[in-house]
Amino acid sequence: MAKGYIIARVSIHDEEAYKAYAELARLAMEKHGARILARGGRFTALEGPCRPRNVILEFESFDAAVRYWNSSDYQTARARRLGAADIELCAVEGI
């Protein structure tokens, strides 16, 4: 079965609120079996615009990645993030 990934590109505006979100999101990740492949760290724009924070999460499947995002655990975390950051999130099926 192909793995599933969530890719996030983030610009943080409120560090304190984002920290509260990140802690709740980490708990949701643990509960839903996410493996963090990238979180922050160095980056460079190779083509097109970039955001200063980039995250890649791996899940057992695409459906598991989508279930994580839809879970009440993650949605509780997400509510803490709203207004604290601009974010682009997508779920991707691996090969």
PDB file of N, CA and C in Angstrom:
ATOM      1  N   MET A   1       0.850  -1.178   0.000  1.00  0.00           N
ATOM      2  CA  MET A   1       0.000   0.000   0.000  1.00  0.00           C
ATOM      3  C   MET A   1       0.896   1.242   0.000  1.00  0.00           C
ATOM      4  N   ALA A   2       0.543   2.202  -0.803  1.00  0.00           N
ATOM      5  CA  ALA A   2       1.306   3.452  -0.900  1.00  0.00           C
ATOM      6  C   ALA A   2       1.129   4.282   0.367  1.00  0.00           C
ATOM      7  N   LYS A   3       2.202   4.909   0.777  1.00  0.00           N
ATOM      8  CA  LYS A   3       2.160   5.825   1.924  1.00  0.00           C
ATOM      9  C   LYS A   3       1.374   7.073   1.553  1.00  0.00           C
ATOM     10  N   GLY A   4       0.926   7.797   2.565  1.00  0.00           N
ATOM     11  CA  GLY A   4       0.288   9.092   2.381  1.00  0.00           C
ATOM     12  C   GLY A   4       1.125  10.156   3.061  1.00  0.00           C
ATOM     13  N   TYR A   5       1.094  11.350   2.511  1.00  0.00           N
ATOM     14  CA  TYR A   5       1.896  12.445   3.043  1.00  0.00           C
ATOM     15  C   TYR A   5       1.040  13.694   3.172  1.00  0.00           C
ATOM     16  N   ILE A   6       1.311  14.463   4.200  1.00  0.00           N
ATOM     17  CA  ILE A   6       0.754  15.804   4.301  1.00  0.00           C
ATOM     18  C   ILE A   6       1.936  16.757   4.193  1.00  0.00           C
ATOM     19  N   ILE A   7       1.812  17.700   3.286  1.00  0.00           N
ATOM     20  CA  ILE A   7       2.841  18.707   3.073  1.00  0.00           C
ATOM     21  C   ILE A   7       2.259  20.052   3.474  1.00  0.00           C
ATOM     22  N   ALA A   8       2.957  20.736   4.366  1.00  0.00           N
ATOM     23  CA  ALA A   8       2.510  22.046   4.851  1.00  0.00           C
ATOM     24  C   ALA A   8       3.577  23.088   4.556  1.00  0.00           C
ATOM     25  N   ARG A   9       3.122  24.230   4.077  1.00  0.00           N
ATOM     26  CA  ARG A   9       3.979  25.401   3.859  1.00  0.00           C
ATOM     27  C   ARG A   9       3.389  26.512   4.712  1.00  0.00           C
ATOM     28  N   VAL A  10       4.190  27.101   5.600  1.00  0.00           N
ATOM     29  CA  VAL A  10       3.642  27.959   6.655  1.00  0.00           C
ATOM     30  C   VAL A  10       4.406  29.274   6.778  1.00  0.00           C
ATOM     31  N   SER A  11       3.648  30.344   6.975  1.00  0.00           N
ATOM     32  CA  SER A  11       4.190  31.646   7.379  1.00  0.00           C
ATOM     33  C   SER A  11       3.537  31.997   8.709  1.00  0.00           C
ATOM     34  N   ILE A  12       4.330  32.061   9.760  1.00  0.00           N
ATOM     35  CA  ILE A  12       3.814  32.285  11.116  1.00  0.00           C
ATOM     36  C   ILE A  12       3.763  33.783  11.413  1.00  0.00           C
ATOM     37  N   HIS A  13       2.629  34.233  11.976  1.00  0.00           N
ATOM     38  CA  HIS A  13       2.445  35.634  12.352  1.00  0.00           C
ATOM     39  C   HIS A  13       2.396  35.832  13.865  1.00  0.00           C
ATOM     40  N   ASP A  14       2.002  34.793  14.604  1.00  0.00           N
ATOM     41  CA  ASP A  14       1.867  34.855  16.059  1.00  0.00           C
ATOM     42  C   ASP A  14       2.550  33.622  16.635  1.00  0.00           C
ATOM     43  N   GLU A  15       3.799  33.798  17.066  1.00  0.00           N
ATOM     44  CA  GLU A  15       4.619  32.674  17.543  1.00  0.00           C
ATOM     45  C   GLU A  15       3.980  31.939  18.719  1.00  0.00           C
ATOM     46  N   GLU A  16       3.434  32.666  19.680  1.00  0.00           N
ATOM     47  CA  GLU A  16       2.854  32.037  20.868  1.00  0.00           C
ATOM     48  C   GLU A  16       1.646  31.182  20.510  1.00  0.00           C
ATOM     49  N   ALA A  17       0.748  31.725  19.705  1.00  0.00           N
ATOM     50  CA  ALA A  17      -0.430  30.956  19.297  1.00  0.00           C
ATOM     51  C   ALA A  17      -0.010  29.750  18.462  1.00  0.00           C
ATOM     52  N   TYR A  18       0.996  29.925  17.621  1.00  0.00           N
ATOM     53  CA  TYR A  18       1.452  28.813  16.782  1.00  0.00           C
ATOM     54  C   TYR A  18       2.072  27.713  17.648  1.00  0.00           C
ATOM     55  N   LYS A  19       2.788  28.090  18.709  1.00  0.00           N
ATOM     56  CA  LYS A  19       3.364  27.092  19.618  1.00  0.00           C
ATOM     57  C   LYS A  19       2.268  26.259  20.268  1.00  0.00           C
ATOM     58  N   ALA A  20       1.174  26.902  20.665  1.00  0.00           N
ATOM     59  CA  ALA A  20       0.044  26.169  21.259  1.00  0.00           C
ATOM     60  C   ALA A  20      -0.539  25.196  20.242  1.00  0.00           C
ATOM     61  N   TYR A  21      -0.691  25.656  19.010  1.00  0.00           N
ATOM     62  CA  TYR A  21      -1.165  24.782  17.929  1.00  0.00           C
ATOM     63  C   TYR A  21      -0.208  23.604  17.734  1.00  0.00           C
ATOM     64  N   ALA A  22       1.092  23.892  17.656  1.00  0.00           N
ATOM     65  CA  ALA A  22       2.083  22.862  17.367  1.00  0.00           C
ATOM     66  C   ALA A  22       2.069  21.756  18.416  1.00  0.00           C
ATOM     67  N   GLU A  23       1.887  22.121  19.674  1.00  0.00           N
ATOM     68  CA  GLU A  23       1.837  21.109  20.733  1.00  0.00           C
ATOM     69  C   GLU A  23       0.617  20.208  20.568  1.00  0.00           C
ATOM     70  N   LEU A  24      -0.535  20.802  20.317  1.00  0.00           N
ATOM     71  CA  LEU A  24      -1.744  20.001  20.113  1.00  0.00           C
ATOM     72  C   LEU A  24      -1.639  19.162  18.833  1.00  0.00           C
ATOM     73  N   ALA A  25      -1.072  19.739  17.790  1.00  0.00           N
ATOM     74  CA  ALA A  25      -0.906  19.008  16.535  1.00  0.00           C
ATOM     75  C   ALA A  25       0.046  17.827  16.732  1.00  0.00           C
ATOM     76  N   ARG A  26       1.107  18.018  17.516  1.00  0.00           N
ATOM     77  CA  ARG A  26       2.046  16.924  17.783  1.00  0.00           C
ATOM     78  C   ARG A  26       1.346  15.759  18.466  1.00  0.00           C
ATOM     79  N   LEU A  27       0.476  16.053  19.424  1.00  0.00           N
ATOM     80  CA  LEU A  27      -0.278  14.992  20.093  1.00  0.00           C
ATOM     81  C   LEU A  27      -1.186  14.257  19.110  1.00  0.00           C
ATOM     82  N   ALA A  28      -1.820  15.009  18.217  1.00  0.00           N
ATOM     83  CA  ALA A  28      -2.678  14.398  17.194  1.00  0.00           C
ATOM     84  C   ALA A  28      -1.840  13.538  16.245  1.00  0.00           C
ATOM     85  N   MET A  29      -0.654  14.015  15.885  1.00  0.00           N
ATOM     86  CA  MET A  29       0.237  13.240  15.009  1.00  0.00           C
ATOM     87  C   MET A  29       0.582  11.902  15.649  1.00  0.00           C
ATOM     88  N   GLU A  30       0.953  11.940  16.922  1.00  0.00           N
ATOM     89  CA  GLU A  30       1.295  10.710  17.633  1.00  0.00           C
ATOM     90  C   GLU A  30       0.121   9.740  17.642  1.00  0.00           C
ATOM     91  N   LYS A  31      -1.053  10.247  17.928  1.00  0.00           N
ATOM     92  CA  LYS A  31      -2.253   9.403  18.002  1.00  0.00           C
ATOM     93  C   LYS A  31      -2.592   8.780  16.653  1.00  0.00           C
ATOM     94  N   HIS A  32      -2.309   9.498  15.572  1.00  0.00           N
ATOM     95  CA  HIS A  32      -2.687   9.042  14.236  1.00  0.00           C
ATOM     96  C   HIS A  32      -1.527   8.435  13.447  1.00  0.00           C
ATOM     97  N   GLY A  33      -0.419   8.176  14.127  1.00  0.00           N
ATOM     98  CA  GLY A  33       0.682   7.451  13.513  1.00  0.00           C
ATOM     99  C   GLY A  33       1.519   8.220  12.507  1.00  0.00           C
ATOM    100  N   ALA A  34       1.539   9.537  12.608  1.00  0.00           N
ATOM    101  CA  ALA A  34       2.333  10.340  11.679  1.00  0.00           C
ATOM    102  C   ALA A  34       3.816  10.195  11.990  1.00  0.00           C
ATOM    103  N   ARG A  35       4.599  10.166  10.958  1.00  0.00           N
ATOM    104  CA  ARG A  35       6.056  10.208  11.079  1.00  0.00           C
ATOM    105  C   ARG A  35       6.505  11.537  10.483  1.00  0.00           C
ATOM    106  N   ILE A  36       7.226  12.331  11.262  1.00  0.00           N
ATOM    107  CA  ILE A  36       7.685  13.636  10.792  1.00  0.00           C
ATOM    108  C   ILE A  36       8.946  13.437   9.957  1.00  0.00           C
ATOM    109  N   LEU A  37       8.863  13.815   8.686  1.00  0.00           N
ATOM    110  CA  LEU A  37      10.012  13.710   7.790  1.00  0.00           C
ATOM    111  C   LEU A  37      10.761  15.028   7.690  1.00  0.00           C
ATOM    112  N   ALA A  38      10.051  16.129   7.805  1.00  0.00           N
ATOM    113  CA  ALA A  38      10.663  17.461   7.784  1.00  0.00           C
ATOM    114  C   ALA A  38       9.807  18.379   8.639  1.00  0.00           C
ATOM    115  N   ARG A  39      10.464  19.259   9.381  1.00  0.00           N
ATOM    116  CA  ARG A  39       9.753  20.236  10.215  1.00  0.00           C
ATOM    117  C   ARG A  39      10.679  21.411  10.422  1.00  0.00           C
ATOM    118  N   GLY A  40      10.387  22.499   9.726  1.00  0.00           N
ATOM    119  CA  GLY A  40      11.282  23.647   9.823  1.00  0.00           C
ATOM    120  C   GLY A  40      12.572  23.336   9.074  1.00  0.00           C
ATOM    121  N   GLY A  41      13.663  23.756   9.614  1.00  0.00           N
ATOM    122  CA  GLY A  41      14.955  23.462   9.005  1.00  0.00           C
ATOM    123  C   GLY A  41      15.272  24.363   7.816  1.00  0.00           C
ATOM    124  N   ARG A  42      16.421  24.114   7.242  1.00  0.00           N
ATOM    125  CA  ARG A  42      16.890  24.921   6.115  1.00  0.00           C
ATOM    126  C   ARG A  42      16.027  24.695   4.892  1.00  0.00           C
ATOM    127  N   PHE A  43      15.912  25.727   4.084  1.00  0.00           N
ATOM    128  CA  PHE A  43      15.197  25.632   2.815  1.00  0.00           C
ATOM    129  C   PHE A  43      15.749  26.693   1.888  1.00  0.00           C
ATOM    130  N   THR A  44      15.506  26.499   0.626  1.00  0.00           N
ATOM    131  CA  THR A  44      15.847  27.519  -0.359  1.00  0.00           C
ATOM    132  C   THR A  44      14.832  27.450  -1.482  1.00  0.00           C
ATOM    133  N   ALA A  45      14.460  28.579  -2.009  1.00  0.00           N
ATOM    134  CA  ALA A  45      13.535  28.621  -3.137  1.00  0.00           C
ATOM    135  C   ALA A  45      14.296  28.203  -4.395  1.00  0.00           C
ATOM    136  N   LEU A  46      13.860  27.148  -5.010  1.00  0.00           N
ATOM    137  CA  LEU A  46      14.461  26.701  -6.265  1.00  0.00           C
ATOM    138  C   LEU A  46      13.672  27.213  -7.464  1.00  0.00           C
ATOM    139  N   GLU A  47      12.369  27.324  -7.259  1.00  0.00           N
ATOM    140  CA  GLU A  47      11.516  27.838  -8.327  1.00  0.00           C
ATOM    141  C   GLU A  47      10.202  28.282  -7.695  1.00  0.00           C
ATOM    142  N   GLY A  48       9.806  29.507  -7.916  1.00  0.00           N
ATOM    143  CA  GLY A  48       8.586  30.032  -7.327  1.00  0.00           C
ATOM    144  C   GLY A  48       8.804  30.452  -5.878  1.00  0.00           C
ATOM    145  N   PRO A  49       7.740  30.972  -5.253  1.00  0.00           N
ATOM    146  CA  PRO A  49       7.859  31.462  -3.872  1.00  0.00           C
ATOM    147  C   PRO A  49       7.888  30.321  -2.857  1.00  0.00           C
ATOM    148  N   CYS A  50       8.518  30.557  -1.724  1.00  0.00           N
ATOM    149  CA  CYS A  50       8.555  29.605  -0.612  1.00  0.00           C
ATOM    150  C   CYS A  50       7.999  30.275   0.631  1.00  0.00           C
ATOM    151  N   ARG A  51       7.647  29.469   1.590  1.00  0.00           N
ATOM    152  CA  ARG A  51       7.277  29.958   2.922  1.00  0.00           C
ATOM    153  C   ARG A  51       8.403  29.567   3.872  1.00  0.00           C
ATOM    154  N   PRO A  52       8.545  30.291   4.989  1.00  0.00           N
ATOM    155  CA  PRO A  52       9.688  30.056   5.870  1.00  0.00           C
ATOM    156  C   PRO A  52       9.633  28.773   6.697  1.00  0.00           C
ATOM    157  N   ARG A  53       8.471  28.121   6.799  1.00  0.00           N
ATOM    158  CA  ARG A  53       8.380  26.860   7.553  1.00  0.00           C
ATOM    159  C   ARG A  53       7.734  25.818   6.653  1.00  0.00           C
ATOM    160  N   ASN A  54       8.362  24.660   6.580  1.00  0.00           N
ATOM    161  CA  ASN A  54       7.873  23.579   5.726  1.00  0.00           C
ATOM    162  C   ASN A  54       7.862  22.294   6.532  1.00  0.00           C
ATOM    163  N   VAL A  55       6.764  21.536   6.400  1.00  0.00           N
ATOM    164  CA  VAL A  55       6.580  20.316   7.178  1.00  0.00           C
ATOM    165  C   VAL A  55       6.129  19.217   6.233  1.00  0.00           C
ATOM    166  N   ILE A  56       6.697  18.021   6.412  1.00  0.00           N
ATOM    167  CA  ILE A  56       6.247  16.846   5.668  1.00  0.00           C
ATOM    168  C   ILE A  56       5.974  15.746   6.685  1.00  0.00           C
ATOM    169  N   LEU A  57       4.748  15.233   6.670  1.00  0.00           N
ATOM    170  CA  LEU A  57       4.337  14.138   7.545  1.00  0.00           C
ATOM    171  C   LEU A  57       4.062  12.906   6.698  1.00  0.00           C
ATOM    172  N   GLU A  58       4.474  11.755   7.185  1.00  0.00           N
ATOM    173  CA  GLU A  58       4.213  10.490   6.491  1.00  0.00           C
ATOM    174  C   GLU A  58       3.198   9.681   7.291  1.00  0.00           C
ATOM    175  N   PHE A  59       2.246   9.072   6.581  1.00  0.00           N
ATOM    176  CA  PHE A  59       1.222   8.218   7.180  1.00  0.00           C
ATOM    177  C   PHE A  59       1.224   6.872   6.469  1.00  0.00           C
ATOM    178  N   GLU A  60       0.581   5.892   7.055  1.00  0.00           N
ATOM    179  CA  GLU A  60       0.551   4.551   6.462  1.00  0.00           C
ATOM    180  C   GLU A  60      -0.143   4.529   5.100  1.00  0.00           C
ATOM    181  N   SER A  61      -1.016   5.507   4.860  1.00  0.00           N
ATOM    182  CA  SER A  61      -1.729   5.564   3.582  1.00  0.00           C
ATOM    183  C   SER A  61      -2.271   6.978   3.360  1.00  0.00           C
ATOM    184  N   PHE A  62      -2.708   7.230   2.140  1.00  0.00           N
ATOM    185  CA  PHE A  62      -3.349   8.505   1.815  1.00  0.00           C
ATOM    186  C   PHE A  62      -4.591   8.698   2.690  1.00  0.00           C
ATOM    187  N   ASP A  63      -5.399   7.644   2.805  1.00  0.00           N
ATOM    188  CA  ASP A  63      -6.620   7.747   3.610  1.00  0.00           C
ATOM    189  C   ASP A  63      -6.306   8.063   5.070  1.00  0.00           C
ATOM    190  N   ALA A  64      -5.224   7.493   5.599  1.00  0.00           N
ATOM    191  CA  ALA A  64      -4.841   7.782   6.985  1.00  0.00           C
ATOM    192  C   ALA A  64      -4.440   9.246   7.143  1.00  0.00           C
ATOM    193  N   ALA A  65      -3.776   9.803   6.144  1.00  0.00           N
ATOM    194  CA  ALA A  65      -3.392  11.220   6.187  1.00  0.00           C
ATOM    195  C   ALA A  65      -4.635  12.105   6.213  1.00  0.00           C
ATOM    196  N   VAL A  66      -5.601  11.785   5.374  1.00  0.00           N
ATOM    197  CA  VAL A  66      -6.839  12.572   5.324  1.00  0.00           C
ATOM    198  C   VAL A  66      -7.631  12.391   6.620  1.00  0.00           C
ATOM    199  N   ARG A  67      -7.663  11.172   7.165  1.00  0.00           N
ATOM    200  CA  ARG A  67      -8.351  10.947   8.454  1.00  0.00           C
ATOM    201  C   ARG A  67      -7.720  11.784   9.560  1.00  0.00           C
ATOM    202  N   TYR A  68      -6.393  11.881   9.574  1.00  0.00           N
ATOM    203  CA  TYR A  68      -5.703  12.717  10.564  1.00  0.00           C
ATOM    204  C   TYR A  68      -6.212  14.153  10.462  1.00  0.00           C
ATOM    205  N   TRP A  69      -6.210  14.718   9.250  1.00  0.00           N
ATOM    206  CA  TRP A  69      -6.643  16.104   9.085  1.00  0.00           C
ATOM    207  C   TRP A  69      -8.094  16.294   9.528  1.00  0.00           C
ATOM    208  N   ASN A  70      -8.946  15.331   9.231  1.00  0.00           N
ATOM    209  CA  ASN A  70     -10.360  15.429   9.587  1.00  0.00           C
ATOM    210  C   ASN A  70     -10.656  15.080  11.039  1.00  0.00           C
ATOM    211  N   SER A  71      -9.688  14.541  11.755  1.00  0.00           N
ATOM    212  CA  SER A  71      -9.925  14.083  13.130  1.00  0.00           C
ATOM    213  C   SER A  71     -10.250  15.259  14.059  1.00  0.00           C
ATOM    214  N   SER A  72     -11.018  14.963  15.086  1.00  0.00           N
ATOM    215  CA  SER A  72     -11.319  16.000  16.082  1.00  0.00           C
ATOM    216  C   SER A  72     -10.039  16.434  16.785  1.00  0.00           C
ATOM    217  N   ASP A  73      -9.072  15.521  16.922  1.00  0.00           N
ATOM    218  CA  ASP A  73      -7.795  15.873  17.549  1.00  0.00           C
ATOM    219  C   ASP A  73      -7.095  16.977  16.760  1.00  0.00           C
ATOM    220  N   TYR A  74      -6.985  16.792  15.447  1.00  0.00           N
ATOM    221  CA  TYR A  74      -6.301  17.797  14.649  1.00  0.00           C
ATOM    222  C   TYR A  74      -7.144  19.066  14.512  1.00  0.00           C
ATOM    223  N   GLN A  75      -8.445  18.929  14.362  1.00  0.00           N
ATOM    224  CA  GLN A  75      -9.292  20.107  14.203  1.00  0.00           C
ATOM    225  C   GLN A  75      -9.267  20.987  15.448  1.00  0.00           C
ATOM    226  N   THR A  76      -9.097  20.377  16.627  1.00  0.00           N
ATOM    227  CA  THR A  76      -8.930  21.156  17.858  1.00  0.00           C
ATOM    228  C   THR A  76      -7.627  21.956  17.786  1.00  0.00           C
ATOM    229  N   ALA A  77      -6.548  21.305  17.321  1.00  0.00           N
ATOM    230  CA  ALA A  77      -5.272  22.009  17.149  1.00  0.00           C
ATOM    231  C   ALA A  77      -5.413  23.118  16.113  1.00  0.00           C
ATOM    232  N   ARG A  78      -6.045  22.801  14.999  1.00  0.00           N
ATOM    233  CA  ARG A  78      -6.216  23.758  13.897  1.00  0.00           C
ATOM    234  C   ARG A  78      -6.915  25.028  14.369  1.00  0.00           C
ATOM    235  N   ALA A  79      -7.900  24.878  15.228  1.00  0.00           N
ATOM    236  CA  ALA A  79      -8.638  26.040  15.740  1.00  0.00           C
ATOM    237  C   ALA A  79      -7.699  26.999  16.473  1.00  0.00           C
ATOM    238  N   ARG A  80      -6.654  26.468  17.117  1.00  0.00           N
ATOM    239  CA  ARG A  80      -5.673  27.313  17.812  1.00  0.00           C
ATOM    240  C   ARG A  80      -4.760  28.044  16.840  1.00  0.00           C
ATOM    241  N   ARG A  81      -4.602  27.482  15.624  1.00  0.00           N
ATOM    242  CA  ARG A  81      -3.699  28.055  14.635  1.00  0.00           C
ATOM    243  C   ARG A  81      -4.344  29.150  13.804  1.00  0.00           C
ATOM    244  N   LEU A  82      -5.657  29.119  13.651  1.00  0.00           N
ATOM    245  CA  LEU A  82      -6.343  30.080  12.783  1.00  0.00           C
ATOM    246  C   LEU A  82      -6.009  31.503  13.198  1.00  0.00           C
ATOM    247  N   GLY A  83      -5.545  32.290  12.260  1.00  0.00           N
ATOM    248  CA  GLY A  83      -5.145  33.665  12.518  1.00  0.00           C
ATOM    249  C   GLY A  83      -3.693  33.811  12.952  1.00  0.00           C
ATOM    250  N   ALA A  84      -3.062  32.716  13.366  1.00  0.00           N
ATOM    251  CA  ALA A  84      -1.676  32.771  13.819  1.00  0.00           C
ATOM    252  C   ALA A  84      -0.690  32.539  12.681  1.00  0.00           C
ATOM    253  N   ALA A  85      -1.186  31.967  11.574  1.00  0.00           N
ATOM    254  CA  ALA A  85      -0.293  31.633  10.462  1.00  0.00           C
ATOM    255  C   ALA A  85      -1.094  31.504   9.178  1.00  0.00           C
ATOM    256  N   ASP A  86      -0.426  31.791   8.077  1.00  0.00           N
ATOM    257  CA  ASP A  86      -0.960  31.465   6.763  1.00  0.00           C
ATOM    258  C   ASP A  86      -0.374  30.120   6.401  1.00  0.00           C
ATOM    259  N   ILE A  87      -1.208  29.228   5.892  1.00  0.00           N
ATOM    260  CA  ILE A  87      -0.739  27.864   5.666  1.00  0.00           C
ATOM    261  C   ILE A  87      -1.357  27.295   4.394  1.00  0.00           C
ATOM    262  N   GLU A  88      -0.587  26.506   3.720  1.00  0.00           N
ATOM    263  CA  GLU A  88      -1.060  25.693   2.597  1.00  0.00           C
ATOM    264  C   GLU A  88      -0.813  24.255   3.001  1.00  0.00           C
ATOM    265  N   LEU A  89      -1.828  23.438   2.934  1.00  0.00           N
ATOM    266  CA  LEU A  89      -1.722  22.024   3.288  1.00  0.00           C
ATOM    267  C   LEU A  89      -2.253  21.191   2.145  1.00  0.00           C
ATOM    268  N   CYS A  90      -1.563  20.100   1.842  1.00  0.00           N
ATOM    269  CA  CYS A  90      -2.124  19.163   0.876  1.00  0.00           C
ATOM    270  C   CYS A  90      -1.773  17.744   1.305  1.00  0.00           C
ATOM    271  N   ALA A  91      -2.647  16.833   0.963  1.00  0.00           N
ATOM    272  CA  ALA A  91      -2.395  15.397   1.170  1.00  0.00           C
ATOM    273  C   ALA A  91      -1.978  14.833  -0.186  1.00  0.00           C
ATOM    274  N   VAL A  92      -0.957  13.982  -0.164  1.00  0.00           N
ATOM    275  CA  VAL A  92      -0.397  13.416  -1.381  1.00  0.00           C
ATOM    276  C   VAL A  92      -0.234  11.922  -1.195  1.00  0.00           C
ATOM    277  N   GLU A  93      -0.619  11.153  -2.206  1.00  0.00           N
ATOM    278  CA  GLU A  93      -0.395   9.720  -2.176  1.00  0.00           C
ATOM    279  C   GLU A  93       0.990   9.413  -2.727  1.00  0.00           C
ATOM    280  N   GLY A  94       1.733   8.581  -2.005  1.00  0.00           N
ATOM    281  CA  GLY A  94       3.063   8.186  -2.458  1.00  0.00           C
ATOM    282  C   GLY A  94       2.994   7.122  -3.553  1.00  0.00           C
ATOM    283  N   ILE A  95       4.157   6.685  -3.973  1.00  0.00           N
ATOM    284  CA  ILE A  95       4.200   5.640  -5.014  1.00  0.00           C
ATOM    285  C   ILE A  95       4.655   4.328  -4.441  1.00  0.00           C
TER     286      ILE A  95
END
